[in-house]
């Protein structure tokens, strides 16, 4: 297992684990679904909706890893950095720094 002293050091590794565009697209879609779940939670004032957030986020991501990347998600070895990496990659896609096509 690789060790990292900072998120800055981890992020290039994280992007390398998401080289397949289909995996990245699934991560991006899952992140949008998580944001939608949060919006529904706020709009409905029903916190039970939040139970769907990890299912959506991890569900999309893990399909991308197991079906397309053929690797094990970094969530299992670096859970916090992996979560941070997912949202950083999402933001980088929105800013055009990481491509989806």
N, C-alpha and C. Protein backbone atom coordinates (compact mmCIF):
# COMPACT_ATOMS: atom_id res chain seq x y z
N UNK A 1 0.84 -1.18 0.00
CA UNK A 1 0.00 0.00 0.00
C UNK A 1 0.89 1.24 0.00
N UNK A 2 0.60 2.16 -0.91
CA UNK A 2 1.36 3.40 -0.99
C UNK A 2 0.99 4.31 0.17
N UNK A 3 1.98 5.05 0.64
CA UNK A 3 1.72 6.02 1.70
C UNK A 3 1.94 7.42 1.15
N UNK A 4 1.18 8.35 1.66
CA UNK A 4 1.24 9.73 1.20
C UNK A 4 1.30 10.65 2.41
N UNK A 5 2.13 11.67 2.31
CA UNK A 5 2.28 12.59 3.44
C UNK A 5 1.30 13.76 3.38
N UNK A 6 0.61 13.90 2.24
CA UNK A 6 -0.35 15.00 2.10
C UNK A 6 -1.34 14.68 0.98
N UNK A 7 -2.43 15.42 0.98
CA UNK A 7 -3.40 15.25 -0.10
C UNK A 7 -2.79 15.69 -1.42
N UNK A 8 -1.99 16.73 -1.39
CA UNK A 8 -1.33 17.21 -2.61
C UNK A 8 -0.50 16.09 -3.25
N UNK A 9 0.11 15.28 -2.43
CA UNK A 9 0.90 14.15 -2.91
C UNK A 9 -0.01 13.01 -3.40
N UNK A 10 -1.15 12.85 -2.76
CA UNK A 10 -2.08 11.77 -3.09
C UNK A 10 -2.84 12.03 -4.39
N UNK A 11 -3.21 13.26 -4.66
CA UNK A 11 -4.12 13.55 -5.76
C UNK A 11 -3.63 13.06 -7.13
N UNK A 12 -2.37 13.23 -7.51
CA UNK A 12 -1.93 12.66 -8.80
C UNK A 12 -2.12 11.14 -8.85
N UNK A 13 -1.86 10.47 -7.75
CA UNK A 13 -2.12 9.02 -7.67
C UNK A 13 -3.60 8.75 -7.89
N UNK A 14 -4.44 9.52 -7.24
CA UNK A 14 -5.89 9.37 -7.36
C UNK A 14 -6.33 9.51 -8.82
N UNK A 15 -5.84 10.54 -9.49
CA UNK A 15 -6.19 10.73 -10.90
C UNK A 15 -5.71 9.56 -11.75
N UNK A 16 -4.56 9.01 -11.43
CA UNK A 16 -4.06 7.85 -12.16
C UNK A 16 -4.94 6.63 -12.00
N UNK A 17 -5.60 6.53 -10.86
CA UNK A 17 -6.52 5.42 -10.60
C UNK A 17 -7.86 5.63 -11.32
N UNK A 18 -8.01 6.77 -11.98
CA UNK A 18 -9.24 7.11 -12.71
C UNK A 18 -8.90 7.47 -14.16
N UNK A 19 -8.03 6.71 -14.76
CA UNK A 19 -7.59 6.98 -16.12
C UNK A 19 -8.67 6.70 -17.15
N UNK A 20 -9.52 5.73 -16.89
CA UNK A 20 -10.59 5.37 -17.83
C UNK A 20 -11.69 6.42 -17.76
N UNK A 21 -12.02 7.00 -18.91
CA UNK A 21 -13.02 8.07 -18.95
C UNK A 21 -14.38 7.61 -18.44
N UNK A 22 -14.72 6.35 -18.67
CA UNK A 22 -16.01 5.85 -18.19
C UNK A 22 -16.07 5.83 -16.67
N UNK A 23 -14.96 5.50 -16.05
CA UNK A 23 -14.88 5.52 -14.58
C UNK A 23 -15.04 6.95 -14.08
N UNK A 24 -14.33 7.88 -14.71
CA UNK A 24 -14.45 9.28 -14.31
C UNK A 24 -15.87 9.79 -14.49
N UNK A 25 -16.49 9.41 -15.59
CA UNK A 25 -17.87 9.84 -15.83
C UNK A 25 -18.82 9.31 -14.76
N UNK A 26 -18.60 8.06 -14.36
CA UNK A 26 -19.44 7.49 -13.31
C UNK A 26 -19.22 8.20 -11.97
N UNK A 27 -17.98 8.53 -11.67
CA UNK A 27 -17.70 9.31 -10.45
C UNK A 27 -18.42 10.65 -10.50
N UNK A 28 -18.31 11.31 -11.64
CA UNK A 28 -18.93 12.63 -11.80
C UNK A 28 -20.45 12.53 -11.66
N UNK A 29 -21.04 11.53 -12.29
CA UNK A 29 -22.49 11.33 -12.18
C UNK A 29 -22.89 11.04 -10.74
N UNK A 30 -22.13 10.18 -10.08
CA UNK A 30 -22.42 9.86 -8.68
C UNK A 30 -22.35 11.08 -7.78
N UNK A 31 -21.40 11.95 -8.04
CA UNK A 31 -21.28 13.18 -7.25
C UNK A 31 -22.50 14.08 -7.46
N UNK A 32 -22.97 14.17 -8.70
CA UNK A 32 -24.19 14.96 -8.97
C UNK A 32 -25.38 14.36 -8.23
N UNK A 33 -25.48 13.05 -8.22
CA UNK A 33 -26.60 12.40 -7.52
C UNK A 33 -26.51 12.69 -6.02
N UNK A 34 -25.30 12.67 -5.46
CA UNK A 34 -25.13 13.00 -4.05
C UNK A 34 -25.61 14.43 -3.79
N UNK A 35 -25.24 15.37 -4.66
CA UNK A 35 -25.70 16.75 -4.49
C UNK A 35 -27.22 16.84 -4.61
N UNK A 36 -27.80 16.07 -5.51
CA UNK A 36 -29.25 16.04 -5.64
C UNK A 36 -29.90 15.50 -4.37
N UNK A 37 -29.34 14.45 -3.80
CA UNK A 37 -29.86 13.88 -2.56
C UNK A 37 -29.80 14.92 -1.44
N UNK A 38 -28.72 15.67 -1.36
CA UNK A 38 -28.60 16.72 -0.34
C UNK A 38 -29.67 17.78 -0.56
N UNK A 39 -29.89 18.16 -1.83
CA UNK A 39 -30.92 19.16 -2.13
C UNK A 39 -32.31 18.66 -1.75
N UNK A 40 -32.60 17.41 -2.06
CA UNK A 40 -33.90 16.82 -1.69
C UNK A 40 -34.05 16.77 -0.17
N UNK A 41 -32.96 16.44 0.51
CA UNK A 41 -32.98 16.40 1.98
C UNK A 41 -33.34 17.77 2.55
N UNK A 42 -32.72 18.80 2.02
CA UNK A 42 -32.99 20.15 2.50
C UNK A 42 -34.41 20.58 2.14
N UNK A 43 -34.81 20.32 0.89
CA UNK A 43 -36.15 20.74 0.44
C UNK A 43 -37.27 20.02 1.19
N UNK A 44 -37.06 18.77 1.51
CA UNK A 44 -38.10 17.98 2.17
C UNK A 44 -37.99 18.04 3.70
N UNK A 45 -36.88 18.56 4.19
CA UNK A 45 -36.61 18.59 5.64
C UNK A 45 -36.71 17.18 6.23
N UNK A 46 -36.28 16.19 5.43
CA UNK A 46 -36.32 14.80 5.85
C UNK A 46 -34.92 14.20 5.72
N UNK A 47 -34.25 14.07 6.85
CA UNK A 47 -32.86 13.60 6.86
C UNK A 47 -32.71 12.15 6.40
N UNK A 48 -33.79 11.40 6.35
CA UNK A 48 -33.70 10.01 5.87
C UNK A 48 -33.16 9.92 4.45
N UNK A 49 -33.36 10.94 3.66
CA UNK A 49 -32.83 10.94 2.30
C UNK A 49 -31.31 10.80 2.28
N UNK A 50 -30.66 11.29 3.33
CA UNK A 50 -29.19 11.24 3.37
C UNK A 50 -28.64 9.81 3.35
N UNK A 51 -29.47 8.84 3.68
CA UNK A 51 -29.02 7.45 3.61
C UNK A 51 -28.69 7.04 2.17
N UNK A 52 -29.26 7.74 1.21
CA UNK A 52 -28.99 7.42 -0.19
C UNK A 52 -27.67 8.01 -0.69
N UNK A 53 -27.15 9.02 -0.01
CA UNK A 53 -25.94 9.70 -0.49
C UNK A 53 -24.76 8.75 -0.66
N UNK A 54 -24.39 7.97 0.36
CA UNK A 54 -23.25 7.07 0.15
C UNK A 54 -23.53 5.97 -0.87
N UNK A 55 -24.77 5.52 -0.93
CA UNK A 55 -25.13 4.48 -1.91
C UNK A 55 -24.92 5.03 -3.31
N UNK A 56 -25.38 6.25 -3.55
CA UNK A 56 -25.23 6.86 -4.87
C UNK A 56 -23.76 7.13 -5.18
N UNK A 57 -23.09 7.79 -4.27
CA UNK A 57 -21.70 8.15 -4.52
C UNK A 57 -20.80 6.94 -4.72
N UNK A 58 -20.83 6.03 -3.76
CA UNK A 58 -19.97 4.85 -3.86
C UNK A 58 -20.46 3.87 -4.91
N UNK A 59 -21.76 3.76 -5.10
CA UNK A 59 -22.30 2.84 -6.09
C UNK A 59 -21.78 3.14 -7.48
N UNK A 60 -21.92 4.39 -7.90
CA UNK A 60 -21.43 4.79 -9.23
C UNK A 60 -19.91 4.58 -9.32
N UNK A 61 -19.19 5.03 -8.29
CA UNK A 61 -17.73 4.95 -8.31
C UNK A 61 -17.23 3.51 -8.37
N UNK A 62 -17.80 2.65 -7.56
CA UNK A 62 -17.32 1.28 -7.51
C UNK A 62 -17.62 0.52 -8.79
N UNK A 63 -18.73 0.80 -9.43
CA UNK A 63 -18.99 0.19 -10.74
C UNK A 63 -17.88 0.63 -11.70
N UNK A 64 -17.53 1.90 -11.68
CA UNK A 64 -16.46 2.40 -12.55
C UNK A 64 -15.14 1.69 -12.31
N UNK A 65 -14.82 1.45 -11.06
CA UNK A 65 -13.55 0.80 -10.75
C UNK A 65 -13.55 -0.68 -11.09
N UNK A 66 -14.58 -1.38 -10.70
CA UNK A 66 -14.59 -2.83 -10.90
C UNK A 66 -14.87 -3.22 -12.35
N UNK A 67 -15.70 -2.44 -13.05
CA UNK A 67 -16.06 -2.79 -14.43
C UNK A 67 -15.08 -2.22 -15.45
N UNK A 68 -14.67 -0.98 -15.28
CA UNK A 68 -13.86 -0.32 -16.31
C UNK A 68 -12.38 -0.20 -15.94
N UNK A 69 -12.07 0.29 -14.77
CA UNK A 69 -10.67 0.46 -14.37
C UNK A 69 -10.00 -0.87 -14.03
N UNK A 70 -10.80 -1.82 -13.55
CA UNK A 70 -10.27 -3.11 -13.11
C UNK A 70 -9.27 -2.92 -11.97
N UNK A 71 -9.59 -1.99 -11.07
CA UNK A 71 -8.75 -1.78 -9.90
C UNK A 71 -9.62 -1.65 -8.65
N UNK A 72 -8.97 -1.63 -7.52
CA UNK A 72 -9.67 -1.53 -6.24
C UNK A 72 -9.77 -0.05 -5.85
N UNK A 73 -10.95 0.43 -5.51
CA UNK A 73 -11.10 1.84 -5.15
C UNK A 73 -10.18 2.23 -4.00
N UNK A 74 -9.64 3.43 -4.08
CA UNK A 74 -8.74 3.95 -3.04
C UNK A 74 -9.48 4.15 -1.71
N UNK A 75 -10.79 4.10 -1.75
CA UNK A 75 -11.59 4.24 -0.53
C UNK A 75 -11.17 3.22 0.53
N UNK A 76 -10.76 2.05 0.09
CA UNK A 76 -10.42 0.98 1.03
C UNK A 76 -9.06 1.20 1.72
N UNK A 77 -8.17 1.94 1.07
CA UNK A 77 -6.85 2.14 1.65
C UNK A 77 -6.62 3.56 2.15
N UNK A 78 -7.29 4.53 1.53
CA UNK A 78 -7.13 5.94 1.90
C UNK A 78 -8.51 6.61 1.90
N UNK A 79 -9.37 6.27 2.85
CA UNK A 79 -10.77 6.74 2.79
C UNK A 79 -10.94 8.25 2.77
N UNK A 80 -10.25 8.98 3.63
CA UNK A 80 -10.43 10.43 3.67
C UNK A 80 -9.86 11.10 2.42
N UNK A 81 -8.64 10.74 2.05
CA UNK A 81 -8.05 11.30 0.84
C UNK A 81 -8.87 10.94 -0.40
N UNK A 82 -9.43 9.75 -0.41
CA UNK A 82 -10.24 9.33 -1.54
C UNK A 82 -11.51 10.18 -1.66
N UNK A 83 -12.16 10.43 -0.55
CA UNK A 83 -13.34 11.28 -0.56
C UNK A 83 -12.97 12.70 -1.00
N UNK A 84 -11.89 13.21 -0.47
CA UNK A 84 -11.42 14.53 -0.88
C UNK A 84 -11.08 14.55 -2.37
N UNK A 85 -10.46 13.46 -2.85
CA UNK A 85 -10.08 13.37 -4.25
C UNK A 85 -11.29 13.36 -5.17
N UNK A 86 -12.35 12.68 -4.73
CA UNK A 86 -13.56 12.63 -5.55
C UNK A 86 -14.14 14.02 -5.75
N UNK A 87 -14.22 14.78 -4.67
CA UNK A 87 -14.79 16.13 -4.79
C UNK A 87 -13.83 17.08 -5.49
N UNK A 88 -12.55 16.90 -5.33
CA UNK A 88 -11.58 17.72 -6.06
C UNK A 88 -11.65 17.41 -7.55
N UNK A 89 -11.76 16.13 -7.90
CA UNK A 89 -11.88 15.76 -9.31
C UNK A 89 -13.18 16.31 -9.89
N UNK A 90 -14.27 16.24 -9.13
CA UNK A 90 -15.55 16.81 -9.56
C UNK A 90 -15.38 18.29 -9.89
N UNK A 91 -14.76 19.03 -8.97
CA UNK A 91 -14.54 20.46 -9.16
C UNK A 91 -13.60 20.70 -10.35
N UNK A 92 -12.57 19.88 -10.50
CA UNK A 92 -11.65 20.03 -11.62
C UNK A 92 -12.33 19.75 -12.96
N UNK A 93 -13.28 18.82 -12.98
CA UNK A 93 -14.05 18.58 -14.21
C UNK A 93 -14.87 19.82 -14.54
N UNK A 94 -15.54 20.37 -13.54
CA UNK A 94 -16.36 21.57 -13.77
C UNK A 94 -15.51 22.74 -14.29
N UNK A 95 -14.27 22.82 -13.83
CA UNK A 95 -13.37 23.90 -14.26
C UNK A 95 -12.61 23.58 -15.53
N UNK A 96 -12.81 22.38 -16.07
CA UNK A 96 -12.13 22.00 -17.31
C UNK A 96 -10.70 21.53 -17.12
N UNK A 97 -10.29 21.24 -15.90
CA UNK A 97 -8.93 20.78 -15.63
C UNK A 97 -8.78 19.27 -15.74
N UNK A 98 -9.90 18.55 -15.61
CA UNK A 98 -9.94 17.10 -15.82
C UNK A 98 -11.03 16.87 -16.86
N UNK A 99 -10.70 16.09 -17.86
CA UNK A 99 -11.66 15.90 -18.95
C UNK A 99 -12.51 14.65 -18.76
N UNK A 100 -13.70 14.70 -19.35
CA UNK A 100 -14.61 13.55 -19.36
C UNK A 100 -14.79 12.98 -20.76
N UNK A 101 -14.12 13.55 -21.73
CA UNK A 101 -14.17 13.01 -23.09
C UNK A 101 -12.89 13.24 -23.82
